[in-house]
Amino acid sequence: MNEETSILSRSIKDLLTKKMMAYSIMPFIISMIVLYILFFIVAGMGVDQLTTMDIQSTQTTIQNGIPHTESFSATLENTAIIKFLMSSALTSWIASFFVYTIGGFLVLYLSIFVALIVIGFLTHKILTEIKFRHYPDIEMIGYSNAVESIFLTLKWVAVMIVLFLVFIPLYFIPLVNVIAFNFPLYYFFHKMMTYDVSSAICTKEEALKIKFFHGSTLRLKTLGLYLLSLIPFVIFFASVFYVIYLGHSYFIEVRKLREEA
């Protein structure tokens, strides 16, 4: 059995322990509450915009060489068109389907974001349990602090938003739009996961060395975890597994570095 297979097998076994299953409940409950509220707020706003639309029109005519400007303003609420759209069972279903489908996709991506924030508060406890079970010889030194964590999180959120905006032209290109839309969130996912785990286990120098020598491997691992998160509802249960899986990877590399020192 190679090292990666061993890490995966060990991570699954750790996840199925009573303590880790208990840790999995908190991200699930908090994320579900937050997303439940946000989903109906966003979807409700979409339906409200659909049933109430403001139309404004301005027309300028010239009579006897004198320009005349006429303005028209109206609110399409309970008009024949809107009544037909929302009263007909078929058209109402189609309109609601589009609104809630778009809302559903937004909730899916938002669920990843929320779960990352929530699991950050449990990372140290999860890794402490992993250390106790498998790596009692490895001291969890860590290098993070609250100020740095908040600053980096805000920084990565800002970069993610900028990437979303920069990639707007790519959203209209088939296939390319899938990558363009997911890359900003994957960027945030990778940064948060690797920082939360490494900053709890390593020294800053060790984290930099692991990033330099094993950066590609870590990106492949976080990419696989991110793709798994795109399956609806998986992120609610798998976020603890992500920490366990990456935790094993970092513990093993830290052990190697300290043995060589």
C-alpha atoms as a PDB file:
ATOM      1  CA  MET A   1       0.000   0.000   0.000  1.00  0.00           C
ATOM      2  CA  ASN A   2       1.547   3.333  -1.053  1.00  0.00           C
ATOM      3  CA  GLU A   3       1.645   6.364   1.204  1.00  0.00           C
ATOM      4  CA  GLU A   4      -1.283   8.197  -0.386  1.00  0.00           C
ATOM      5  CA  THR A   5      -3.567   5.171  -0.181  1.00  0.00           C
ATOM      6  CA  SER A   6      -2.528   4.705   3.431  1.00  0.00           C
ATOM      7  CA  ILE A   7      -3.361   8.349   4.232  1.00  0.00           C
ATOM      8  CA  LEU A   8      -6.772   8.056   2.603  1.00  0.00           C
ATOM      9  CA  SER A   9      -7.605   4.798   4.403  1.00  0.00           C
ATOM     10  CA  ARG A  10      -6.452   6.185   7.748  1.00  0.00           C
ATOM     11  CA  SER A  11      -8.448   9.393   7.207  1.00  0.00           C
ATOM     12  CA  ILE A  12     -11.669   7.495   6.530  1.00  0.00           C
ATOM     13  CA  LYS A  13     -11.186   5.369   9.655  1.00  0.00           C
ATOM     14  CA  ASP A  14     -10.543   8.490  11.738  1.00  0.00           C
ATOM     15  CA  LEU A  15     -13.653  10.170  10.363  1.00  0.00           C
ATOM     16  CA  LEU A  16     -15.819   7.241  11.466  1.00  0.00           C
ATOM     17  CA  THR A  17     -14.767   7.511  15.115  1.00  0.00           C
ATOM     18  CA  LYS A  18     -17.340   8.837  17.585  1.00  0.00           C
ATOM     19  CA  LYS A  19     -15.424  12.021  18.336  1.00  0.00           C
ATOM     20  CA  MET A  20     -14.944  12.968  14.683  1.00  0.00           C
ATOM     21  CA  MET A  21     -18.574  12.223  13.877  1.00  0.00           C
ATOM     22  CA  ALA A  22     -19.540  14.504  16.745  1.00  0.00           C
ATOM     23  CA  TYR A  23     -17.310  17.240  15.325  1.00  0.00           C
ATOM     24  CA  SER A  24     -19.076  16.806  11.967  1.00  0.00           C
ATOM     25  CA  ILE A  25     -22.426  17.780  13.468  1.00  0.00           C
ATOM     26  CA  MET A  26     -21.491  21.401  14.220  1.00  0.00           C
ATOM     27  CA  PRO A  27     -20.485  22.469  10.665  1.00  0.00           C
ATOM     28  CA  PHE A  28     -23.577  20.701   9.355  1.00  0.00           C
ATOM     29  CA  ILE A  29     -26.028  22.408  11.722  1.00  0.00           C
ATOM     30  CA  ILE A  30     -24.521  25.908  11.464  1.00  0.00           C
ATOM     31  CA  SER A  31     -24.123  25.758   7.689  1.00  0.00           C
ATOM     32  CA  MET A  32     -27.667  24.475   7.188  1.00  0.00           C
ATOM     33  CA  ILE A  33     -29.167  27.249   9.317  1.00  0.00           C
ATOM     34  CA  VAL A  34     -27.213  29.999   7.566  1.00  0.00           C
ATOM     35  CA  LEU A  35     -27.844  28.651   4.077  1.00  0.00           C
ATOM     36  CA  TYR A  36     -31.523  27.955   4.742  1.00  0.00           C
ATOM     37  CA  ILE A  37     -32.038  31.595   5.651  1.00  0.00           C
ATOM     38  CA  LEU A  38     -29.938  32.933   2.766  1.00  0.00           C
ATOM     39  CA  PHE A  39     -31.595  30.666   0.203  1.00  0.00           C
ATOM     40  CA  PHE A  40     -35.104  31.927   0.875  1.00  0.00           C
ATOM     41  CA  ILE A  41     -33.936  35.535   1.119  1.00  0.00           C
ATOM     42  CA  VAL A  42     -32.247  35.363  -2.291  1.00  0.00           C
ATOM     43  CA  ALA A  43     -34.982  33.311  -3.919  1.00  0.00           C
ATOM     44  CA  GLY A  44     -37.684  35.528  -2.419  1.00  0.00           C
ATOM     45  CA  MET A  45     -35.975  38.637  -3.778  1.00  0.00           C
ATOM     46  CA  GLY A  46     -35.909  36.990  -7.199  1.00  0.00           C
ATOM     47  CA  VAL A  47     -39.624  36.287  -7.139  1.00  0.00           C
ATOM     48  CA  ASP A  48     -40.362  39.828  -5.919  1.00  0.00           C
ATOM     49  CA  GLN A  49     -38.355  41.262  -8.799  1.00  0.00           C
ATOM     50  CA  LEU A  50     -40.234  39.016 -11.171  1.00  0.00           C
ATOM     51  CA  THR A  51     -43.671  40.118  -9.978  1.00  0.00           C
ATOM     52  CA  THR A  52     -42.815  43.821  -9.717  1.00  0.00           C
ATOM     53  CA  MET A  53     -40.892  45.533 -12.518  1.00  0.00           C
ATOM     54  CA  ASP A  54     -40.390  49.263 -13.037  1.00  0.00           C
ATOM     55  CA  ILE A  55     -40.418  50.584 -16.597  1.00  0.00           C
ATOM     56  CA  GLN A  56     -39.262  54.091 -17.482  1.00  0.00           C
ATOM     57  CA  SER A  57     -39.266  55.600 -20.953  1.00  0.00           C
ATOM     58  CA  THR A  58     -38.328  59.023 -22.299  1.00  0.00           C
ATOM     59  CA  GLN A  59     -39.307  60.281 -25.761  1.00  0.00           C
ATOM     60  CA  THR A  60     -38.287  63.551 -27.372  1.00  0.00           C
ATOM     61  CA  THR A  61     -40.214  65.047 -30.325  1.00  0.00           C
ATOM     62  CA  ILE A  62     -39.746  68.287 -32.236  1.00  0.00           C
ATOM     63  CA  GLN A  63     -42.778  70.467 -32.969  1.00  0.00           C
ATOM     64  CA  ASN A  64     -42.336  73.747 -34.842  1.00  0.00           C
ATOM     65  CA  GLY A  65     -38.627  73.546 -34.187  1.00  0.00           C
ATOM     66  CA  ILE A  66     -39.140  73.265 -30.423  1.00  0.00           C
ATOM     67  CA  PRO A  67     -38.104  69.978 -28.718  1.00  0.00           C
ATOM     68  CA  HIS A  68     -40.651  68.412 -26.383  1.00  0.00           C
ATOM     69  CA  THR A  69     -39.651  65.654 -23.963  1.00  0.00           C
ATOM     70  CA  GLU A  70     -42.209  63.278 -22.543  1.00  0.00           C
ATOM     71  CA  SER A  71     -41.432  60.817 -19.794  1.00  0.00           C
ATOM     72  CA  PHE A  72     -43.335  57.647 -19.028  1.00  0.00           C
ATOM     73  CA  SER A  73     -42.976  55.677 -15.803  1.00  0.00           C
ATOM     74  CA  ALA A  74     -44.934  52.629 -14.768  1.00  0.00           C
ATOM     75  CA  THR A  75     -44.748  49.682 -12.435  1.00  0.00           C
ATOM     76  CA  LEU A  76     -45.651  46.309 -13.874  1.00  0.00           C
ATOM     77  CA  GLU A  77     -47.342  44.877 -10.839  1.00  0.00           C
ATOM     78  CA  ASN A  78     -50.486  42.791 -11.220  1.00  0.00           C
ATOM     79  CA  THR A  79     -50.658  43.759 -14.901  1.00  0.00           C
ATOM     80  CA  ALA A  80     -52.081  41.345 -17.443  1.00  0.00           C
ATOM     81  CA  ILE A  81     -48.620  40.034 -18.399  1.00  0.00           C
ATOM     82  CA  ILE A  82     -47.480  39.447 -14.819  1.00  0.00           C
ATOM     83  CA  LYS A  83     -50.858  38.015 -13.856  1.00  0.00           C
ATOM     84  CA  PHE A  84     -50.677  35.610 -16.780  1.00  0.00           C
ATOM     85  CA  LEU A  85     -47.088  34.643 -15.954  1.00  0.00           C
ATOM     86  CA  MET A  86     -47.763  33.965 -12.288  1.00  0.00           C
ATOM     87  CA  SER A  87     -51.387  32.741 -12.452  1.00  0.00           C
ATOM     88  CA  SER A  88     -50.890  30.106 -15.120  1.00  0.00           C
ATOM     89  CA  ALA A  89     -49.735  26.889 -13.472  1.00  0.00           C
ATOM     90  CA  LEU A  90     -47.250  26.093 -16.257  1.00  0.00           C
ATOM     91  CA  THR A  91     -45.664  29.535 -16.663  1.00  0.00           C
ATOM     92  CA  SER A  92     -45.599  30.100 -12.920  1.00  0.00           C
ATOM     93  CA  TRP A  93     -43.797  26.789 -12.465  1.00  0.00           C
ATOM     94  CA  ILE A  94     -41.257  27.629 -15.193  1.00  0.00           C
ATOM     95  CA  ALA A  95     -40.561  31.096 -13.751  1.00  0.00           C
ATOM     96  CA  SER A  96     -40.223  29.755 -10.217  1.00  0.00           C
ATOM     97  CA  PHE A  97     -38.041  26.893 -11.469  1.00  0.00           C
ATOM     98  CA  PHE A  98     -35.509  29.288 -12.989  1.00  0.00           C
ATOM     99  CA  VAL A  99     -35.458  31.528  -9.932  1.00  0.00           C
ATOM    100  CA  TYR A 100     -34.969  28.668  -7.475  1.00  0.00           C
ATOM    101  CA  THR A 101     -32.505  26.833  -9.742  1.00  0.00           C
ATOM    102  CA  ILE A 102     -30.248  29.869  -9.898  1.00  0.00           C
ATOM    103  CA  GLY A 103     -30.684  30.294  -6.158  1.00  0.00           C
ATOM    104  CA  GLY A 104     -29.792  26.629  -5.689  1.00  0.00           C
ATOM    105  CA  PHE A 105     -26.499  27.007  -7.566  1.00  0.00           C
ATOM    106  CA  LEU A 106     -25.631  30.081  -5.538  1.00  0.00           C
ATOM    107  CA  VAL A 107     -26.392  28.199  -2.333  1.00  0.00           C
ATOM    108  CA  LEU A 108     -24.160  25.308  -3.464  1.00  0.00           C
ATOM    109  CA  TYR A 109     -21.158  27.570  -3.924  1.00  0.00           C
ATOM    110  CA  LEU A 110     -21.980  29.576  -0.842  1.00  0.00           C
ATOM    111  CA  SER A 111     -22.167  26.361   1.182  1.00  0.00           C
ATOM    112  CA  ILE A 112     -18.497  25.714   0.435  1.00  0.00           C
ATOM    113  CA  PHE A 113     -17.594  29.214   1.595  1.00  0.00           C
ATOM    114  CA  VAL A 114     -19.619  28.949   4.805  1.00  0.00           C
ATOM    115  CA  ALA A 115     -18.340  25.455   5.622  1.00  0.00           C
ATOM    116  CA  LEU A 116     -14.730  26.634   5.274  1.00  0.00           C
ATOM    117  CA  ILE A 117     -15.315  29.436   7.749  1.00  0.00           C
ATOM    118  CA  VAL A 118     -17.083  27.158  10.236  1.00  0.00           C
ATOM    119  CA  ILE A 119     -14.538  24.334  10.059  1.00  0.00           C
ATOM    120  CA  GLY A 120     -11.750  26.818  10.727  1.00  0.00           C
ATOM    121  CA  PHE A 121     -12.910  27.042  14.340  1.00  0.00           C
ATOM    122  CA  LEU A 122     -12.659  23.256  14.768  1.00  0.00           C
ATOM    123  CA  THR A 123      -9.404  22.621  12.920  1.00  0.00           C
ATOM    124  CA  HIS A 124      -7.125  22.720  15.967  1.00  0.00           C
ATOM    125  CA  LYS A 125      -9.308  20.295  17.969  1.00  0.00           C
ATOM    126  CA  ILE A 126      -9.505  17.869  15.049  1.00  0.00           C
ATOM    127  CA  LEU A 127      -5.755  17.948  14.483  1.00  0.00           C
ATOM    128  CA  THR A 128      -5.078  17.514  18.200  1.00  0.00           C
ATOM    129  CA  GLU A 129      -7.114  14.302  18.120  1.00  0.00           C
ATOM    130  CA  ILE A 130      -5.212  13.115  15.012  1.00  0.00           C
ATOM    131  CA  LYS A 131      -1.921  13.825  16.754  1.00  0.00           C
ATOM    132  CA  PHE A 132      -3.025  11.874  19.841  1.00  0.00           C
ATOM    133  CA  ARG A 133      -4.064   8.870  17.743  1.00  0.00           C
ATOM    134  CA  HIS A 134      -1.215   8.696  15.239  1.00  0.00           C
ATOM    135  CA  TYR A 135       1.559  11.220  15.849  1.00  0.00           C
ATOM    136  CA  PRO A 136       2.261  11.515  19.590  1.00  0.00           C
ATOM    137  CA  ASP A 137       5.903  12.277  18.773  1.00  0.00           C
ATOM    138  CA  ILE A 138       5.050  15.361  16.698  1.00  0.00           C
ATOM    139  CA  GLU A 139       4.677  18.633  18.583  1.00  0.00           C
ATOM    140  CA  MET A 140       2.024  20.951  17.177  1.00  0.00           C
ATOM    141  CA  ILE A 141       3.950  24.209  17.264  1.00  0.00           C
ATOM    142  CA  GLY A 142       1.802  26.346  14.969  1.00  0.00           C
ATOM    143  CA  TYR A 143       2.361  29.916  13.894  1.00  0.00           C
ATOM    144  CA  SER A 144      -1.055  31.528  13.400  1.00  0.00           C
ATOM    145  CA  ASN A 145      -2.760  34.218  15.460  1.00  0.00           C
ATOM    146  CA  ALA A 146      -6.219  35.777  15.341  1.00  0.00           C
ATOM    147  CA  VAL A 147      -5.136  39.021  13.681  1.00  0.00           C
ATOM    148  CA  GLU A 148      -3.196  37.251  10.946  1.00  0.00           C
ATOM    149  CA  SER A 149      -6.017  34.776  10.333  1.00  0.00           C
ATOM    150  CA  ILE A 150      -8.625  37.521   9.928  1.00  0.00           C
ATOM    151  CA  PHE A 151      -6.340  39.591   7.707  1.00  0.00           C
ATOM    152  CA  LEU A 152      -5.499  36.665   5.410  1.00  0.00           C
ATOM    153  CA  THR A 153      -9.124  35.544   5.208  1.00  0.00           C
ATOM    154  CA  LEU A 154     -10.246  39.029   4.164  1.00  0.00           C
ATOM    155  CA  LYS A 155      -7.353  39.212   1.699  1.00  0.00           C
ATOM    156  CA  TRP A 156      -8.287  35.897   0.080  1.00  0.00           C
ATOM    157  CA  VAL A 157     -11.965  36.879  -0.051  1.00  0.00           C
ATOM    158  CA  ALA A 158     -10.992  40.131  -1.812  1.00  0.00           C
ATOM    159  CA  VAL A 159      -8.819  38.260  -4.331  1.00  0.00           C
ATOM    160  CA  MET A 160     -11.642  35.775  -4.932  1.00  0.00           C
ATOM    161  CA  ILE A 161     -14.113  38.586  -5.652  1.00  0.00           C
ATOM    162  CA  VAL A 162     -11.636  40.286  -8.005  1.00  0.00           C
ATOM    163  CA  LEU A 163     -11.127  37.012  -9.870  1.00  0.00           C
ATOM    164  CA  PHE A 164     -14.892  36.565 -10.220  1.00  0.00           C
ATOM    165  CA  LEU A 165     -15.093  40.033 -11.797  1.00  0.00           C
ATOM    166  CA  VAL A 166     -12.045  39.613 -14.049  1.00  0.00           C
ATOM    167  CA  PHE A 167     -13.376  36.320 -15.411  1.00  0.00           C
ATOM    168  CA  ILE A 168     -16.809  37.730 -16.358  1.00  0.00           C
ATOM    169  CA  PRO A 169     -16.025  37.693 -20.138  1.00  0.00           C
ATOM    170  CA  LEU A 170     -15.145  33.987 -19.874  1.00  0.00           C
ATOM    171  CA  TYR A 171     -18.522  33.074 -18.381  1.00  0.00           C
ATOM    172  CA  PHE A 172     -20.085  33.220 -21.850  1.00  0.00           C
ATOM    173  CA  ILE A 173     -17.703  30.662 -23.376  1.00  0.00           C
ATOM    174  CA  PRO A 174     -18.962  27.059 -23.079  1.00  0.00           C
ATOM    175  CA  LEU A 175     -16.746  24.729 -21.021  1.00  0.00           C
ATOM    176  CA  VAL A 176     -14.324  27.554 -20.293  1.00  0.00           C
ATOM    177  CA  ASN A 177     -17.014  29.153 -18.139  1.00  0.00           C
ATOM    178  CA  VAL A 178     -17.056  26.098 -15.866  1.00  0.00           C
ATOM    179  CA  ILE A 179     -13.361  26.557 -15.061  1.00  0.00           C
ATOM    180  CA  ALA A 180     -13.628  30.346 -14.902  1.00  0.00           C
ATOM    181  CA  PHE A 181     -16.501  30.242 -12.436  1.00  0.00           C
ATOM    182  CA  ASN A 182     -14.966  27.621 -10.159  1.00  0.00           C
ATOM    183  CA  PHE A 183     -11.359  28.832 -10.128  1.00  0.00           C
ATOM    184  CA  PRO A 184     -11.907  31.833  -7.786  1.00  0.00           C
ATOM    185  CA  LEU A 185     -13.714  29.711  -5.209  1.00  0.00           C
ATOM    186  CA  TYR A 186     -11.113  26.944  -5.519  1.00  0.00           C
ATOM    187  CA  TYR A 187      -8.420  29.559  -4.911  1.00  0.00           C
ATOM    188  CA  PHE A 188     -10.129  30.528  -1.644  1.00  0.00           C
ATOM    189  CA  PHE A 189     -10.736  26.870  -0.752  1.00  0.00           C
ATOM    190  CA  HIS A 190      -7.064  25.929  -1.254  1.00  0.00           C
ATOM    191  CA  LYS A 191      -5.731  28.919   0.673  1.00  0.00           C
ATOM    192  CA  MET A 192      -8.058  28.424   3.638  1.00  0.00           C
ATOM    193  CA  MET A 193      -7.609  24.679   3.950  1.00  0.00           C
ATOM    194  CA  THR A 194      -3.814  24.632   3.675  1.00  0.00           C
ATOM    195  CA  TYR A 195      -3.424  27.639   5.977  1.00  0.00           C
ATOM    196  CA  ASP A 196      -5.759  26.321   8.678  1.00  0.00           C
ATOM    197  CA  VAL A 197      -4.005  22.949   8.781  1.00  0.00           C
ATOM    198  CA  SER A 198      -0.390  24.044   8.329  1.00  0.00           C
ATOM    199  CA  SER A 199      -0.616  26.953  10.772  1.00  0.00           C
ATOM    200  CA  ALA A 200      -1.859  24.589  13.493  1.00  0.00           C
ATOM    201  CA  ILE A 201       0.905  22.002  13.021  1.00  0.00           C
ATOM    202  CA  CYS A 202       4.056  23.516  11.539  1.00  0.00           C
ATOM    203  CA  THR A 203       6.390  26.365  12.187  1.00  0.00           C
ATOM    204  CA  LYS A 204       6.234  29.031   9.502  1.00  0.00           C
ATOM    205  CA  GLU A 205       9.544  27.816   8.058  1.00  0.00           C
ATOM    206  CA  GLU A 206       8.286  24.235   7.884  1.00  0.00           C
ATOM    207  CA  ALA A 207       5.077  25.368   6.173  1.00  0.00           C
ATOM    208  CA  LEU A 208       7.094  27.266   3.552  1.00  0.00           C
ATOM    209  CA  LYS A 209       9.318  24.238   2.908  1.00  0.00           C
ATOM    210  CA  ILE A 210       6.338  21.924   2.502  1.00  0.00           C
ATOM    211  CA  LYS A 211       4.711  24.423   0.163  1.00  0.00           C
ATOM    212  CA  PHE A 212       7.912  24.706  -1.899  1.00  0.00           C
ATOM    213  CA  PHE A 213       8.643  20.989  -2.213  1.00  0.00           C
ATOM    214  CA  HIS A 214       5.106  19.605  -2.202  1.00  0.00           C
ATOM    215  CA  GLY A 215       3.002  22.512  -3.514  1.00  0.00           C
ATOM    216  CA  SER A 216       1.823  20.633  -6.612  1.00  0.00           C
ATOM    217  CA  THR A 217       0.791  17.597  -4.569  1.00  0.00           C
ATOM    218  CA  LEU A 218      -1.126  19.775  -2.127  1.00  0.00           C
ATOM    219  CA  ARG A 219      -2.925  21.532  -4.980  1.00  0.00           C
ATOM    220  CA  LEU A 220      -3.951  18.178  -6.457  1.00  0.00           C
ATOM    221  CA  LYS A 221      -5.277  17.077  -3.071  1.00  0.00           C
ATOM    222  CA  THR A 222      -7.250  20.258  -2.466  1.00  0.00           C
ATOM    223  CA  LEU A 223      -8.541  20.170  -6.053  1.00  0.00           C
ATOM    224  CA  GLY A 224      -9.886  16.670  -5.474  1.00  0.00           C
ATOM    225  CA  LEU A 225     -11.501  17.782  -2.221  1.00  0.00           C
ATOM    226  CA  TYR A 226     -12.995  20.845  -3.920  1.00  0.00           C
ATOM    227  CA  LEU A 227     -14.493  18.772  -6.741  1.00  0.00           C
ATOM    228  CA  LEU A 228     -15.986  16.488  -4.100  1.00  0.00           C
ATOM    229  CA  SER A 229     -17.544  19.569  -2.495  1.00  0.00           C
ATOM    230  CA  LEU A 230     -19.445  20.329  -5.704  1.00  0.00           C
ATOM    231  CA  ILE A 231     -21.661  17.310  -5.057  1.00  0.00           C
ATOM    232  CA  PRO A 232     -24.715  18.771  -3.301  1.00  0.00           C
ATOM    233  CA  PHE A 233     -24.699  18.409   0.505  1.00  0.00           C
ATOM    234  CA  VAL A 234     -21.309  16.640   0.598  1.00  0.00           C
ATOM    235  CA  ILE A 235     -19.547  19.699   1.999  1.00  0.00           C
ATOM    236  CA  PHE A 236     -21.820  19.633   5.064  1.00  0.00           C
ATOM    237  CA  PHE A 237     -20.520  16.225   6.097  1.00  0.00           C
ATOM    238  CA  ALA A 238     -17.052  16.142   4.520  1.00  0.00           C
ATOM    239  CA  SER A 239     -15.424  19.299   5.884  1.00  0.00           C
ATOM    240  CA  VAL A 240     -14.081  17.436   8.930  1.00  0.00           C
ATOM    241  CA  PHE A 241     -12.701  14.745   6.617  1.00  0.00           C
ATOM    242  CA  TYR A 242     -10.853  17.437   4.632  1.00  0.00           C
ATOM    243  CA  VAL A 243      -9.043  18.581   7.769  1.00  0.00           C
ATOM    244  CA  ILE A 244      -8.220  14.988   8.760  1.00  0.00           C
ATOM    245  CA  TYR A 245      -6.914  14.136   5.293  1.00  0.00           C
ATOM    246  CA  LEU A 246      -4.717  17.222   4.934  1.00  0.00           C
ATOM    247  CA  GLY A 247      -3.691  16.899   8.578  1.00  0.00           C
ATOM    248  CA  HIS A 248      -2.196  13.464   7.961  1.00  0.00           C
ATOM    249  CA  SER A 249      -0.336  14.836   4.932  1.00  0.00           C
ATOM    250  CA  TYR A 250       1.192  17.679   6.941  1.00  0.00           C
ATOM    251  CA  PHE A 251       2.023  15.546   9.989  1.00  0.00           C
ATOM    252  CA  ILE A 252       3.949  13.085   7.798  1.00  0.00           C
ATOM    253  CA  GLU A 253       5.927  15.838   6.050  1.00  0.00           C
ATOM    254  CA  VAL A 254       6.671  17.614   9.336  1.00  0.00           C
ATOM    255  CA  ARG A 255       7.966  14.371  10.799  1.00  0.00           C
ATOM    256  CA  LYS A 256      10.315  13.956   7.824  1.00  0.00           C
ATOM    257  CA  LEU A 257      11.587  17.541   8.132  1.00  0.00           C
ATOM    258  CA  ARG A 258      12.261  17.246  11.853  1.00  0.00           C
ATOM    259  CA  GLU A 259      13.999  13.896  11.470  1.00  0.00           C
ATOM    260  CA  GLU A 260      16.323  15.437   8.880  1.00  0.00           C
ATOM    261  CA  ALA A 261      17.089  18.449  11.093  1.00  0.00           C
END
